Amino acid sequence: MMALGTLLQAQPVYERHNYEVNPYLARMAQKGLVVWDDNIQPLSRTQILQALLVLDSNRTKLTII
């Protein structure tokens, strides 16, 4: 059999606009820890994940609770 290299990309999964992480990411954007452009709704899970990964890399700048 011959294997063909194909790139498949599924449709993005979107989260609702009142999802719990959106206000948190908006507050972190106000503090300058992440760039969060939530003017265009709905947001994909990929966008949310990328923002959370940026926050994780800036962990030392976050306040300890």
N, C-alpha and C. Protein backbone atom coordinates (compact mmCIF):
# COMPACT_ATOMS: atom_id res chain seq x y z
N MET A 1 0.84 -1.19 0.00
CA MET A 1 0.00 0.00 0.00
C MET A 1 0.87 1.25 0.00
N MET A 2 0.35 2.23 -0.58
CA MET A 2 1.07 3.50 -0.66
C MET A 2 0.47 4.47 0.35
N ALA A 3 1.32 5.00 1.20
CA ALA A 3 0.85 5.95 2.21
C ALA A 3 0.99 7.36 1.67
N LEU A 4 -0.06 8.09 1.73
CA LEU A 4 -0.05 9.48 1.27
C LEU A 4 0.02 10.40 2.47
N GLY A 5 0.90 11.35 2.42
CA GLY A 5 1.01 12.31 3.51
C GLY A 5 -0.01 13.42 3.32
N THR A 6 -1.01 13.42 4.15
CA THR A 6 -2.03 14.46 4.07
C THR A 6 -2.14 15.16 5.41
N LEU A 7 -2.47 16.41 5.35
CA LEU A 7 -2.66 17.20 6.55
C LEU A 7 -4.15 17.42 6.74
N LEU A 8 -4.67 16.91 7.82
CA LEU A 8 -6.08 17.08 8.14
C LEU A 8 -6.23 18.08 9.26
N GLN A 9 -7.20 18.94 9.11
CA GLN A 9 -7.44 19.93 10.15
C GLN A 9 -8.94 19.98 10.41
N ALA A 10 -9.31 19.76 11.65
CA ALA A 10 -10.71 19.75 12.02
C ALA A 10 -11.21 21.17 12.26
N GLN A 11 -12.50 21.30 12.28
CA GLN A 11 -13.11 22.58 12.58
C GLN A 11 -12.82 22.94 14.03
N PRO A 12 -12.47 24.20 14.31
CA PRO A 12 -12.14 24.56 15.70
C PRO A 12 -13.36 24.47 16.61
N VAL A 13 -13.08 24.15 17.87
CA VAL A 13 -14.13 24.08 18.88
C VAL A 13 -14.16 25.43 19.57
N TYR A 14 -15.34 26.05 19.61
CA TYR A 14 -15.48 27.36 20.22
C TYR A 14 -16.09 27.25 21.60
N GLU A 15 -15.70 28.16 22.47
CA GLU A 15 -16.26 28.23 23.82
C GLU A 15 -17.27 29.37 23.89
N ARG A 16 -18.24 29.22 24.75
CA ARG A 16 -19.25 30.27 24.91
C ARG A 16 -18.60 31.53 25.50
N HIS A 17 -19.20 32.67 25.25
CA HIS A 17 -18.59 33.94 25.66
C HIS A 17 -18.58 34.13 27.17
N ASN A 18 -19.43 33.45 27.91
CA ASN A 18 -19.43 33.60 29.37
C ASN A 18 -18.69 32.45 30.05
N TYR A 19 -17.81 31.79 29.33
CA TYR A 19 -16.98 30.72 29.89
C TYR A 19 -16.12 31.31 31.00
N GLU A 20 -15.90 30.57 32.07
CA GLU A 20 -15.27 31.08 33.29
C GLU A 20 -13.86 31.63 33.08
N VAL A 21 -13.16 31.15 32.09
CA VAL A 21 -11.77 31.58 31.89
C VAL A 21 -11.68 32.95 31.22
N ASN A 22 -12.72 33.37 30.53
CA ASN A 22 -12.66 34.66 29.82
C ASN A 22 -12.45 35.86 30.74
N PRO A 23 -13.20 36.00 31.85
CA PRO A 23 -12.94 37.13 32.74
C PRO A 23 -11.54 37.09 33.35
N TYR A 24 -11.06 35.88 33.65
CA TYR A 24 -9.71 35.74 34.21
C TYR A 24 -8.67 36.22 33.21
N LEU A 25 -8.79 35.80 31.97
CA LEU A 25 -7.82 36.22 30.95
C LEU A 25 -7.93 37.72 30.68
N ALA A 26 -9.13 38.28 30.77
CA ALA A 26 -9.29 39.72 30.60
C ALA A 26 -8.58 40.48 31.72
N ARG A 27 -8.67 39.99 32.96
CA ARG A 27 -7.96 40.64 34.08
C ARG A 27 -6.45 40.54 33.90
N MET A 28 -5.98 39.40 33.44
CA MET A 28 -4.53 39.23 33.22
C MET A 28 -4.04 40.12 32.09
N ALA A 29 -4.91 40.37 31.11
CA ALA A 29 -4.55 41.28 30.02
C ALA A 29 -4.46 42.72 30.52
N GLN A 30 -5.35 43.10 31.46
CA GLN A 30 -5.29 44.44 32.04
C GLN A 30 -4.00 44.65 32.81
N LYS A 31 -3.47 43.58 33.39
CA LYS A 31 -2.21 43.66 34.13
C LYS A 31 -1.00 43.59 33.20
N GLY A 32 -1.25 43.34 31.91
CA GLY A 32 -0.17 43.29 30.94
C GLY A 32 0.57 41.97 30.88
N LEU A 33 -0.03 40.91 31.41
CA LEU A 33 0.64 39.61 31.44
C LEU A 33 0.37 38.76 30.21
N VAL A 34 -0.68 39.10 29.48
CA VAL A 34 -1.05 38.34 28.29
C VAL A 34 -1.77 39.28 27.33
N VAL A 35 -1.64 39.02 26.04
CA VAL A 35 -2.40 39.77 25.04
C VAL A 35 -3.69 39.00 24.81
N TRP A 36 -4.81 39.64 25.12
CA TRP A 36 -6.10 38.97 25.05
C TRP A 36 -7.07 39.85 24.29
N ASP A 37 -7.30 39.51 23.03
CA ASP A 37 -8.20 40.27 22.18
C ASP A 37 -9.52 39.51 22.08
N ASP A 38 -10.44 39.84 22.98
CA ASP A 38 -11.70 39.11 23.01
C ASP A 38 -12.85 39.88 22.36
N ASN A 39 -12.51 40.80 21.47
CA ASN A 39 -13.55 41.56 20.79
C ASN A 39 -14.32 40.70 19.80
N ILE A 40 -13.66 39.70 19.25
CA ILE A 40 -14.31 38.81 18.30
C ILE A 40 -14.74 37.55 19.04
N GLN A 41 -16.03 37.32 19.06
CA GLN A 41 -16.58 36.16 19.77
C GLN A 41 -17.15 35.20 18.74
N PRO A 42 -17.22 33.94 18.95
CA PRO A 42 -16.69 33.19 20.09
C PRO A 42 -15.21 32.93 19.92
N LEU A 43 -14.57 32.57 21.00
CA LEU A 43 -13.13 32.29 21.01
C LEU A 43 -12.91 30.78 20.91
N SER A 44 -11.89 30.41 20.17
CA SER A 44 -11.60 28.98 20.03
C SER A 44 -10.81 28.49 21.24
N ARG A 45 -10.88 27.21 21.47
CA ARG A 45 -10.13 26.62 22.58
C ARG A 45 -8.63 26.79 22.37
N THR A 46 -8.21 26.83 21.10
CA THR A 46 -6.79 27.02 20.80
C THR A 46 -6.32 28.39 21.26
N GLN A 47 -7.14 29.43 21.04
CA GLN A 47 -6.78 30.78 21.50
C GLN A 47 -6.68 30.82 23.01
N ILE A 48 -7.62 30.19 23.69
CA ILE A 48 -7.62 30.16 25.15
C ILE A 48 -6.39 29.42 25.66
N LEU A 49 -6.08 28.29 25.05
CA LEU A 49 -4.91 27.51 25.46
C LEU A 49 -3.63 28.30 25.27
N GLN A 50 -3.49 29.00 24.14
CA GLN A 50 -2.28 29.78 23.90
C GLN A 50 -2.11 30.87 24.94
N ALA A 51 -3.21 31.53 25.32
CA ALA A 51 -3.13 32.58 26.33
C ALA A 51 -2.75 31.99 27.69
N LEU A 52 -3.29 30.83 28.03
CA LEU A 52 -2.94 30.19 29.30
C LEU A 52 -1.48 29.74 29.32
N LEU A 53 -0.97 29.31 28.18
CA LEU A 53 0.44 28.92 28.11
C LEU A 53 1.36 30.12 28.28
N VAL A 54 0.96 31.27 27.74
CA VAL A 54 1.74 32.49 27.94
C VAL A 54 1.74 32.86 29.42
N LEU A 55 0.59 32.76 30.07
CA LEU A 55 0.53 33.04 31.51
C LEU A 55 1.39 32.07 32.30
N ASP A 56 1.41 30.82 31.88
CA ASP A 56 2.23 29.83 32.57
C ASP A 56 3.71 30.18 32.44
N SER A 57 4.10 30.71 31.30
CA SER A 57 5.50 31.10 31.13
C SER A 57 5.84 32.36 31.92
N ASN A 58 4.82 33.16 32.27
CA ASN A 58 5.00 34.36 33.08
C ASN A 58 4.62 34.10 34.54
N ARG A 59 4.73 32.88 34.98
CA ARG A 59 4.29 32.48 36.31
C ARG A 59 4.94 33.30 37.42
N THR A 60 6.20 33.71 37.23
CA THR A 60 6.90 34.45 38.28
C THR A 60 6.31 35.84 38.50
N LYS A 61 5.59 36.36 37.51
CA LYS A 61 4.99 37.69 37.63
C LYS A 61 3.62 37.65 38.31
N LEU A 62 3.07 36.46 38.50
CA LEU A 62 1.75 36.33 39.10
C LEU A 62 1.84 36.44 40.62
N THR A 63 0.79 36.96 41.24
CA THR A 63 0.73 37.09 42.68
C THR A 63 0.40 35.74 43.32
N ILE A 64 1.10 35.41 44.38
CA ILE A 64 0.85 34.16 45.10
C ILE A 64 -0.35 34.36 46.01
N ILE A 65 -1.26 33.41 46.00
CA ILE A 65 -2.46 33.50 46.86
C ILE A 65 -2.19 32.75 48.14
